[in-house]
């Protein structure tokens, strides 16, 4: 039994080494002082981190990614919170089908989803690029919003809502003053998860962007095609740090939500 446990521990260590080793290599090479990406680096320099803020196209595409992700998040919340509430609160005909429709963007390959968006949103309805990009990212984020908030609502005692209604509060007042405050941590976690998924998205964004409009991940791909300096490694390190911070916050929020309901 001990030999099996040691073998499993070794196998697990090798898996983590493989996954984290690549991230470590990227992190180390981002400090290369030369103009070519090298491992191991020949010295230590922060010049490529400074270069991120000096290259205008990175700043412009970063703003675009932020605006689209935040605006899409608000739209996804406006649609996702009522949908998650209805799916958790009521029993009705076609509920399973509707639930499947809401989660379908996660199950469909991103390239297929992006091409479908291009075909119907951009070509058929001829929406402007920014509007089409916003629609695409809203659809991308909606399943994450619904699933996380529905998970939070599964721990909510709807008897509290009934008590509020019986004491004279209206349904809207009860929803905003009783239901939403009790699932606040789940909503914040859903927002953070959806934001990360949107901000780092490539497969849908590549179909929805056009001349003069691009997102940061697409711009990073374009930059790699023309340059081989450590700038992209530096951006990747910053994005990894931001993602790690977000995931830590999400883990704390979901844990807090779980223990609060117990």
C-alpha atoms as a PDB file:
ATOM      1  CA  UNK A   1       0.000   0.000   0.000  1.00  0.00           C
ATOM      2  CA  UNK A   2       2.826   2.384   0.852  1.00  0.00           C
ATOM      3  CA  UNK A   3       4.530   1.637  -2.478  1.00  0.00           C
ATOM      4  CA  UNK A   4       1.279   2.465  -4.318  1.00  0.00           C
ATOM      5  CA  UNK A   5       0.945   5.719  -2.378  1.00  0.00           C
ATOM      6  CA  UNK A   6       4.530   6.649  -3.176  1.00  0.00           C
ATOM      7  CA  UNK A   7       3.981   5.853  -6.845  1.00  0.00           C
ATOM      8  CA  UNK A   8       0.826   7.982  -6.905  1.00  0.00           C
ATOM      9  CA  UNK A   9       2.621  10.820  -5.123  1.00  0.00           C
ATOM     10  CA  UNK A  10       5.502  10.670  -7.624  1.00  0.00           C
ATOM     11  CA  UNK A  11       3.097  10.627 -10.574  1.00  0.00           C
ATOM     12  CA  UNK A  12       1.188  13.604  -9.131  1.00  0.00           C
ATOM     13  CA  UNK A  13       4.449  15.484  -8.600  1.00  0.00           C
ATOM     14  CA  UNK A  14       5.501  14.895 -12.216  1.00  0.00           C
ATOM     15  CA  UNK A  15       2.132  16.156 -13.475  1.00  0.00           C
ATOM     16  CA  UNK A  16       2.418  19.330 -11.403  1.00  0.00           C
ATOM     17  CA  UNK A  17       6.031  19.740 -12.505  1.00  0.00           C
ATOM     18  CA  UNK A  18       4.977  19.487 -16.151  1.00  0.00           C
ATOM     19  CA  UNK A  19       2.144  21.997 -15.721  1.00  0.00           C
ATOM     20  CA  UNK A  20       3.960  24.483 -13.518  1.00  0.00           C
ATOM     21  CA  UNK A  21       7.342  24.043 -15.198  1.00  0.00           C
ATOM     22  CA  UNK A  22       6.137  25.766 -18.365  1.00  0.00           C
ATOM     23  CA  UNK A  23       4.799  28.689 -16.341  1.00  0.00           C
ATOM     24  CA  UNK A  24       8.101  28.904 -14.480  1.00  0.00           C
ATOM     25  CA  UNK A  25      10.051  28.978 -17.746  1.00  0.00           C
ATOM     26  CA  UNK A  26       7.854  31.797 -19.102  1.00  0.00           C
ATOM     27  CA  UNK A  27       8.239  33.730 -15.862  1.00  0.00           C
ATOM     28  CA  UNK A  28      12.032  33.430 -15.855  1.00  0.00           C
ATOM     29  CA  UNK A  29      12.468  34.312 -19.539  1.00  0.00           C
ATOM     30  CA  UNK A  30      10.431  37.509 -19.070  1.00  0.00           C
ATOM     31  CA  UNK A  31      13.464  39.003 -17.271  1.00  0.00           C
ATOM     32  CA  UNK A  32      15.830  38.392 -20.196  1.00  0.00           C
ATOM     33  CA  UNK A  33      17.757  41.654 -20.891  1.00  0.00           C
ATOM     34  CA  UNK A  34      18.435  40.807 -24.549  1.00  0.00           C
ATOM     35  CA  UNK A  35      16.187  41.341 -27.550  1.00  0.00           C
ATOM     36  CA  UNK A  36      15.564  37.619 -28.118  1.00  0.00           C
ATOM     37  CA  UNK A  37      13.621  35.235 -25.889  1.00  0.00           C
ATOM     38  CA  UNK A  38      16.109  32.889 -24.202  1.00  0.00           C
ATOM     39  CA  UNK A  39      16.117  30.249 -21.503  1.00  0.00           C
ATOM     40  CA  UNK A  40      17.921  30.418 -19.235  1.00  0.00           C
ATOM     41  CA  UNK A  41      18.134  34.232 -19.395  1.00  0.00           C
ATOM     42  CA  UNK A  42      21.542  35.852 -19.737  1.00  0.00           C
ATOM     43  CA  UNK A  43      20.836  38.405 -17.012  1.00  0.00           C
ATOM     44  CA  UNK A  44      18.086  40.268 -15.221  1.00  0.00           C
ATOM     45  CA  UNK A  45      16.115  43.212 -16.551  1.00  0.00           C
ATOM     46  CA  UNK A  46      12.642  44.765 -16.273  1.00  0.00           C
ATOM     47  CA  UNK A  47      12.882  46.461 -19.678  1.00  0.00           C
ATOM     48  CA  UNK A  48      10.225  44.253 -21.253  1.00  0.00           C
ATOM     49  CA  UNK A  49       7.762  45.002 -18.472  1.00  0.00           C
ATOM     50  CA  UNK A  50       8.349  48.683 -19.186  1.00  0.00           C
ATOM     51  CA  UNK A  51       7.922  47.972 -22.899  1.00  0.00           C
ATOM     52  CA  UNK A  52       4.368  46.747 -22.271  1.00  0.00           C
ATOM     53  CA  UNK A  53       3.297  50.234 -21.213  1.00  0.00           C
ATOM     54  CA  UNK A  54       5.285  51.919 -23.969  1.00  0.00           C
ATOM     55  CA  UNK A  55       3.706  49.988 -26.849  1.00  0.00           C
ATOM     56  CA  UNK A  56       0.498  51.826 -27.724  1.00  0.00           C
ATOM     57  CA  UNK A  57      -1.272  48.843 -29.286  1.00  0.00           C
ATOM     58  CA  UNK A  58      -1.085  46.908 -26.015  1.00  0.00           C
ATOM     59  CA  UNK A  59      -2.652  49.794 -24.101  1.00  0.00           C
ATOM     60  CA  UNK A  60      -5.418  50.273 -26.678  1.00  0.00           C
ATOM     61  CA  UNK A  61      -6.307  46.597 -26.884  1.00  0.00           C
ATOM     62  CA  UNK A  62      -6.173  46.330 -23.083  1.00  0.00           C
ATOM     63  CA  UNK A  63      -8.770  49.113 -22.864  1.00  0.00           C
ATOM     64  CA  UNK A  64     -10.922  47.342 -25.454  1.00  0.00           C
ATOM     65  CA  UNK A  65     -10.719  44.046 -23.565  1.00  0.00           C
ATOM     66  CA  UNK A  66     -11.610  45.763 -20.293  1.00  0.00           C
ATOM     67  CA  UNK A  67     -14.574  47.650 -21.762  1.00  0.00           C
ATOM     68  CA  UNK A  68     -15.971  44.603 -23.567  1.00  0.00           C
ATOM     69  CA  UNK A  69     -15.486  42.310 -20.561  1.00  0.00           C
ATOM     70  CA  UNK A  70     -17.046  44.741 -18.078  1.00  0.00           C
ATOM     71  CA  UNK A  71     -19.949  45.755 -20.322  1.00  0.00           C
ATOM     72  CA  UNK A  72     -20.589  42.140 -21.316  1.00  0.00           C
ATOM     73  CA  UNK A  73     -20.470  41.168 -17.673  1.00  0.00           C
ATOM     74  CA  UNK A  74     -23.197  43.681 -16.827  1.00  0.00           C
ATOM     75  CA  UNK A  75     -25.398  42.390 -19.659  1.00  0.00           C
ATOM     76  CA  UNK A  76     -24.739  38.772 -18.678  1.00  0.00           C
ATOM     77  CA  UNK A  77     -25.645  39.611 -15.071  1.00  0.00           C
ATOM     78  CA  UNK A  78     -28.872  41.333 -16.149  1.00  0.00           C
ATOM     79  CA  UNK A  79     -29.851  38.190 -18.053  1.00  0.00           C
ATOM     80  CA  UNK A  80     -28.203  35.563 -15.871  1.00  0.00           C
ATOM     81  CA  UNK A  81     -29.487  36.492 -12.414  1.00  0.00           C
ATOM     82  CA  UNK A  82     -33.205  36.251 -13.349  1.00  0.00           C
ATOM     83  CA  UNK A  83     -32.510  33.070 -15.343  1.00  0.00           C
ATOM     84  CA  UNK A  84     -30.612  31.427 -12.464  1.00  0.00           C
ATOM     85  CA  UNK A  85     -33.337  32.471 -10.014  1.00  0.00           C
ATOM     86  CA  UNK A  86     -36.124  31.050 -12.206  1.00  0.00           C
ATOM     87  CA  UNK A  87     -34.273  27.777 -12.758  1.00  0.00           C
ATOM     88  CA  UNK A  88     -33.611  27.384  -9.029  1.00  0.00           C
ATOM     89  CA  UNK A  89     -36.928  28.655  -7.675  1.00  0.00           C
ATOM     90  CA  UNK A  90     -39.629  27.270  -9.977  1.00  0.00           C
ATOM     91  CA  UNK A  91     -40.616  24.013 -11.589  1.00  0.00           C
ATOM     92  CA  UNK A  92     -42.011  24.368 -15.097  1.00  0.00           C
ATOM     93  CA  UNK A  93     -42.328  22.460 -18.344  1.00  0.00           C
ATOM     94  CA  UNK A  94     -39.200  22.618 -20.475  1.00  0.00           C
ATOM     95  CA  UNK A  95     -36.930  23.528 -17.575  1.00  0.00           C
ATOM     96  CA  UNK A  96     -34.339  20.877 -18.479  1.00  0.00           C
ATOM     97  CA  UNK A  97     -34.316  22.006 -22.107  1.00  0.00           C
ATOM     98  CA  UNK A  98     -33.893  25.639 -21.099  1.00  0.00           C
ATOM     99  CA  UNK A  99     -31.110  24.705 -18.710  1.00  0.00           C
ATOM    100  CA  UNK A 100     -29.349  22.903 -21.557  1.00  0.00           C
ATOM    101  CA  UNK A 101     -29.721  25.933 -23.834  1.00  0.00           C
ATOM    102  CA  UNK A 102     -28.121  28.207 -21.250  1.00  0.00           C
ATOM    103  CA  UNK A 103     -25.127  25.918 -20.773  1.00  0.00           C
ATOM    104  CA  UNK A 104     -24.681  25.111 -24.496  1.00  0.00           C
ATOM    105  CA  UNK A 105     -22.092  27.869 -25.183  1.00  0.00           C
ATOM    106  CA  UNK A 106     -19.723  26.072 -22.794  1.00  0.00           C
ATOM    107  CA  UNK A 107     -20.204  22.718 -24.544  1.00  0.00           C
ATOM    108  CA  UNK A 108     -19.819  23.993 -28.114  1.00  0.00           C
ATOM    109  CA  UNK A 109     -16.184  24.373 -29.288  1.00  0.00           C
ATOM    110  CA  UNK A 110     -15.084  27.989 -29.223  1.00  0.00           C
ATOM    111  CA  UNK A 111     -14.123  28.042 -32.912  1.00  0.00           C
ATOM    112  CA  UNK A 112     -17.572  26.790 -33.898  1.00  0.00           C
ATOM    113  CA  UNK A 113     -19.202  29.344 -31.613  1.00  0.00           C
ATOM    114  CA  UNK A 114     -17.044  32.134 -33.005  1.00  0.00           C
ATOM    115  CA  UNK A 115     -17.808  31.229 -36.613  1.00  0.00           C
ATOM    116  CA  UNK A 116     -21.536  31.071 -35.860  1.00  0.00           C
ATOM    117  CA  UNK A 117     -21.325  34.517 -34.254  1.00  0.00           C
ATOM    118  CA  UNK A 118     -19.490  35.866 -37.287  1.00  0.00           C
ATOM    119  CA  UNK A 119     -22.072  34.364 -39.658  1.00  0.00           C
ATOM    120  CA  UNK A 120     -25.206  35.588 -37.922  1.00  0.00           C
ATOM    121  CA  UNK A 121     -24.204  38.561 -35.765  1.00  0.00           C
ATOM    122  CA  UNK A 122     -21.730  40.310 -38.069  1.00  0.00           C
ATOM    123  CA  UNK A 123     -22.641  39.182 -41.600  1.00  0.00           C
ATOM    124  CA  UNK A 124     -26.395  38.557 -41.392  1.00  0.00           C
ATOM    125  CA  UNK A 125     -27.414  41.340 -38.984  1.00  0.00           C
ATOM    126  CA  UNK A 126     -24.459  43.595 -39.893  1.00  0.00           C
ATOM    127  CA  UNK A 127     -23.837  44.822 -36.379  1.00  0.00           C
ATOM    128  CA  UNK A 128     -20.850  47.143 -35.832  1.00  0.00           C
ATOM    129  CA  UNK A 129     -17.688  45.384 -34.683  1.00  0.00           C
ATOM    130  CA  UNK A 130     -17.872  46.687 -31.117  1.00  0.00           C
ATOM    131  CA  UNK A 131     -21.534  45.697 -30.802  1.00  0.00           C
ATOM    132  CA  UNK A 132     -20.860  42.248 -32.255  1.00  0.00           C
ATOM    133  CA  UNK A 133     -17.878  41.754 -29.961  1.00  0.00           C
ATOM    134  CA  UNK A 134     -20.046  42.738 -26.991  1.00  0.00           C
ATOM    135  CA  UNK A 135     -22.784  40.279 -28.001  1.00  0.00           C
ATOM    136  CA  UNK A 136     -20.258  37.477 -28.464  1.00  0.00           C
ATOM    137  CA  UNK A 137     -18.666  38.008 -25.059  1.00  0.00           C
ATOM    138  CA  UNK A 138     -22.060  38.329 -23.359  1.00  0.00           C
ATOM    139  CA  UNK A 139     -23.080  34.948 -24.777  1.00  0.00           C
ATOM    140  CA  UNK A 140     -19.706  33.546 -23.688  1.00  0.00           C
ATOM    141  CA  UNK A 141     -20.097  34.759 -20.089  1.00  0.00           C
ATOM    142  CA  UNK A 142     -23.791  33.961 -19.624  1.00  0.00           C
ATOM    143  CA  UNK A 143     -23.384  30.208 -18.847  1.00  0.00           C
ATOM    144  CA  UNK A 144     -20.758  30.933 -16.171  1.00  0.00           C
ATOM    145  CA  UNK A 145     -22.970  33.569 -14.570  1.00  0.00           C
ATOM    146  CA  UNK A 146     -25.986  31.263 -14.537  1.00  0.00           C
ATOM    147  CA  UNK A 147     -24.204  28.149 -13.265  1.00  0.00           C
ATOM    148  CA  UNK A 148     -22.327  29.864 -10.419  1.00  0.00           C
ATOM    149  CA  UNK A 149     -25.329  31.904  -9.234  1.00  0.00           C
ATOM    150  CA  UNK A 150     -27.614  28.863  -9.516  1.00  0.00           C
ATOM    151  CA  UNK A 151     -25.112  26.942  -7.388  1.00  0.00           C
ATOM    152  CA  UNK A 152     -25.249  29.709  -4.788  1.00  0.00           C
ATOM    153  CA  UNK A 153     -29.070  29.695  -4.899  1.00  0.00           C
ATOM    154  CA  UNK A 154     -29.109  25.943  -4.290  1.00  0.00           C
ATOM    155  CA  UNK A 155     -27.933  26.700  -0.723  1.00  0.00           C
ATOM    156  CA  UNK A 156     -30.468  29.480  -0.237  1.00  0.00           C
ATOM    157  CA  UNK A 157     -33.489  28.744   1.968  1.00  0.00           C
ATOM    158  CA  UNK A 158     -36.471  30.065   0.026  1.00  0.00           C
ATOM    159  CA  UNK A 159     -38.534  29.941   3.219  1.00  0.00           C
ATOM    160  CA  UNK A 160     -36.862  33.275   4.032  1.00  0.00           C
ATOM    161  CA  UNK A 161     -38.338  34.700   0.852  1.00  0.00           C
ATOM    162  CA  UNK A 162     -41.775  33.375   1.759  1.00  0.00           C
ATOM    163  CA  UNK A 163     -41.472  34.939   5.209  1.00  0.00           C
ATOM    164  CA  UNK A 164     -40.664  38.306   3.654  1.00  0.00           C
ATOM    165  CA  UNK A 165     -43.666  38.065   1.334  1.00  0.00           C
ATOM    166  CA  UNK A 166     -45.952  37.107   4.197  1.00  0.00           C
ATOM    167  CA  UNK A 167     -44.834  40.195   6.134  1.00  0.00           C
ATOM    168  CA  UNK A 168     -46.018  42.485   3.349  1.00  0.00           C
ATOM    169  CA  UNK A 169     -42.951  43.013   1.183  1.00  0.00           C
ATOM    170  CA  UNK A 170     -43.456  42.889  -2.587  1.00  0.00           C
ATOM    171  CA  UNK A 171     -41.715  40.355  -4.797  1.00  0.00           C
ATOM    172  CA  UNK A 172     -39.272  42.864  -6.257  1.00  0.00           C
ATOM    173  CA  UNK A 173     -38.480  44.303  -2.830  1.00  0.00           C
ATOM    174  CA  UNK A 174     -37.968  40.800  -1.453  1.00  0.00           C
ATOM    175  CA  UNK A 175     -35.745  39.873  -4.385  1.00  0.00           C
ATOM    176  CA  UNK A 176     -33.479  42.913  -4.011  1.00  0.00           C
ATOM    177  CA  UNK A 177     -33.435  43.149  -0.210  1.00  0.00           C
ATOM    178  CA  UNK A 178     -33.557  39.482   0.803  1.00  0.00           C
ATOM    179  CA  UNK A 179     -32.481  37.167  -2.022  1.00  0.00           C
ATOM    180  CA  UNK A 180     -29.631  39.139  -3.597  1.00  0.00           C
ATOM    181  CA  UNK A 181     -27.839  40.014  -0.319  1.00  0.00           C
ATOM    182  CA  UNK A 182     -27.842  36.335   0.645  1.00  0.00           C
ATOM    183  CA  UNK A 183     -26.159  35.261  -2.619  1.00  0.00           C
ATOM    184  CA  UNK A 184     -23.827  38.260  -2.875  1.00  0.00           C
ATOM    185  CA  UNK A 185     -20.655  36.183  -2.624  1.00  0.00           C
ATOM    186  CA  UNK A 186     -21.893  33.862  -5.381  1.00  0.00           C
ATOM    187  CA  UNK A 187     -22.637  36.835  -7.636  1.00  0.00           C
ATOM    188  CA  UNK A 188     -19.168  38.298  -7.078  1.00  0.00           C
ATOM    189  CA  UNK A 189     -17.569  34.916  -7.790  1.00  0.00           C
ATOM    190  CA  UNK A 190     -19.639  34.584 -10.980  1.00  0.00           C
ATOM    191  CA  UNK A 191     -18.577  38.054 -12.109  1.00  0.00           C
ATOM    192  CA  UNK A 192     -14.884  37.283 -11.552  1.00  0.00           C
ATOM    193  CA  UNK A 193     -15.027  33.904 -13.317  1.00  0.00           C
ATOM    194  CA  UNK A 194     -16.931  35.339 -16.277  1.00  0.00           C
ATOM    195  CA  UNK A 195     -14.561  38.307 -16.489  1.00  0.00           C
ATOM    196  CA  UNK A 196     -11.503  36.049 -16.648  1.00  0.00           C
ATOM    197  CA  UNK A 197     -13.126  33.872 -19.308  1.00  0.00           C
ATOM    198  CA  UNK A 198     -13.992  36.916 -21.395  1.00  0.00           C
ATOM    199  CA  UNK A 199     -10.745  38.842 -20.952  1.00  0.00           C
ATOM    200  CA  UNK A 200      -8.564  35.847 -21.914  1.00  0.00           C
ATOM    201  CA  UNK A 201     -10.795  34.628 -24.739  1.00  0.00           C
ATOM    202  CA  UNK A 202      -9.236  34.086 -28.151  1.00  0.00           C
ATOM    203  CA  UNK A 203     -11.381  31.694 -30.208  1.00  0.00           C
ATOM    204  CA  UNK A 204     -14.526  33.842 -30.243  1.00  0.00           C
ATOM    205  CA  UNK A 205     -12.736  37.214 -30.254  1.00  0.00           C
ATOM    206  CA  UNK A 206     -10.685  36.342 -33.331  1.00  0.00           C
ATOM    207  CA  UNK A 207     -13.900  36.046 -35.360  1.00  0.00           C
ATOM    208  CA  UNK A 208     -15.573  39.137 -33.896  1.00  0.00           C
ATOM    209  CA  UNK A 209     -12.734  41.648 -34.219  1.00  0.00           C
ATOM    210  CA  UNK A 210     -11.970  43.636 -37.352  1.00  0.00           C
ATOM    211  CA  UNK A 211      -9.866  46.496 -38.772  1.00  0.00           C
ATOM    212  CA  UNK A 212      -8.864  48.857 -35.994  1.00  0.00           C
ATOM    213  CA  UNK A 213     -10.568  46.786 -33.289  1.00  0.00           C
ATOM    214  CA  UNK A 214      -8.740  44.061 -31.393  1.00  0.00           C
ATOM    215  CA  UNK A 215      -8.526  42.577 -27.907  1.00  0.00           C
ATOM    216  CA  UNK A 216      -5.351  42.061 -25.877  1.00  0.00           C
ATOM    217  CA  UNK A 217      -5.066  38.262 -26.447  1.00  0.00           C
ATOM    218  CA  UNK A 218      -5.484  38.741 -30.218  1.00  0.00           C
ATOM    219  CA  UNK A 219      -2.897  41.531 -30.198  1.00  0.00           C
ATOM    220  CA  UNK A 220      -0.503  39.257 -28.321  1.00  0.00           C
ATOM    221  CA  UNK A 221      -0.846  36.620 -31.067  1.00  0.00           C
ATOM    222  CA  UNK A 222      -0.226  39.259 -33.730  1.00  0.00           C
ATOM    223  CA  UNK A 223       2.846  40.537 -31.870  1.00  0.00           C
ATOM    224  CA  UNK A 224       4.347  37.033 -31.631  1.00  0.00           C
ATOM    225  CA  UNK A 225       4.071  36.670 -35.408  1.00  0.00           C
ATOM    226  CA  UNK A 226       6.349  39.675 -35.952  1.00  0.00           C
ATOM    227  CA  UNK A 227       8.593  39.872 -32.877  1.00  0.00           C
ATOM    228  CA  UNK A 228      10.451  37.356 -30.743  1.00  0.00           C
ATOM    229  CA  UNK A 229      11.377  39.482 -27.760  1.00  0.00           C
ATOM    230  CA  UNK A 230      10.299  38.695 -24.146  1.00  0.00           C
ATOM    231  CA  UNK A 231       7.454  41.258 -24.135  1.00  0.00           C
ATOM    232  CA  UNK A 232       4.766  38.584 -24.505  1.00  0.00           C
ATOM    233  CA  UNK A 233       6.372  36.579 -21.688  1.00  0.00           C
ATOM    234  CA  UNK A 234       6.173  39.687 -19.477  1.00  0.00           C
ATOM    235  CA  UNK A 235       2.500  40.213 -20.334  1.00  0.00           C
ATOM    236  CA  UNK A 236       1.824  36.535 -19.638  1.00  0.00           C
ATOM    237  CA  UNK A 237       3.375  36.845 -16.181  1.00  0.00           C
ATOM    238  CA  UNK A 238       1.178  39.837 -15.356  1.00  0.00           C
ATOM    239  CA  UNK A 239      -1.916  38.005 -16.591  1.00  0.00           C
ATOM    240  CA  UNK A 240      -0.993  34.933 -14.535  1.00  0.00           C
ATOM    241  CA  UNK A 241      -0.637  37.083 -11.411  1.00  0.00           C
ATOM    242  CA  UNK A 242      -4.006  38.741 -12.024  1.00  0.00           C
ATOM    243  CA  UNK A 243      -5.633  35.354 -12.661  1.00  0.00           C
ATOM    244  CA  UNK A 244      -4.106  33.881  -9.488  1.00  0.00           C
ATOM    245  CA  UNK A 245      -5.412  36.816  -7.432  1.00  0.00           C
ATOM    246  CA  UNK A 246      -8.882  36.458  -8.951  1.00  0.00           C
ATOM    247  CA  UNK A 247      -8.964  32.702  -8.332  1.00  0.00           C
ATOM    248  CA  UNK A 248      -7.879  33.208  -4.714  1.00  0.00           C
ATOM    249  CA  UNK A 249     -10.715  35.709  -4.227  1.00  0.00           C
ATOM    250  CA  UNK A 250     -13.199  33.347  -5.915  1.00  0.00           C
ATOM    251  CA  UNK A 251     -12.097  30.431  -3.724  1.00  0.00           C
ATOM    252  CA  UNK A 252     -12.504  32.529  -0.583  1.00  0.00           C
ATOM    253  CA  UNK A 253     -15.906  33.812  -1.685  1.00  0.00           C
ATOM    254  CA  UNK A 254     -17.243  30.369  -2.597  1.00  0.00           C
ATOM    255  CA  UNK A 255     -15.925  28.928   0.655  1.00  0.00           C
ATOM    256  CA  UNK A 256     -17.491  31.759   2.617  1.00  0.00           C
ATOM    257  CA  UNK A 257     -20.787  31.254   0.790  1.00  0.00           C
ATOM    258  CA  UNK A 258     -20.756  27.531   1.579  1.00  0.00           C
ATOM    259  CA  UNK A 259     -19.983  27.847   5.284  1.00  0.00           C
ATOM    260  CA  UNK A 260     -22.425  30.716   5.732  1.00  0.00           C
ATOM    261  CA  UNK A 261     -25.260  28.549   4.478  1.00  0.00           C
ATOM    262  CA  UNK A 262     -24.344  25.547   6.644  1.00  0.00           C
END
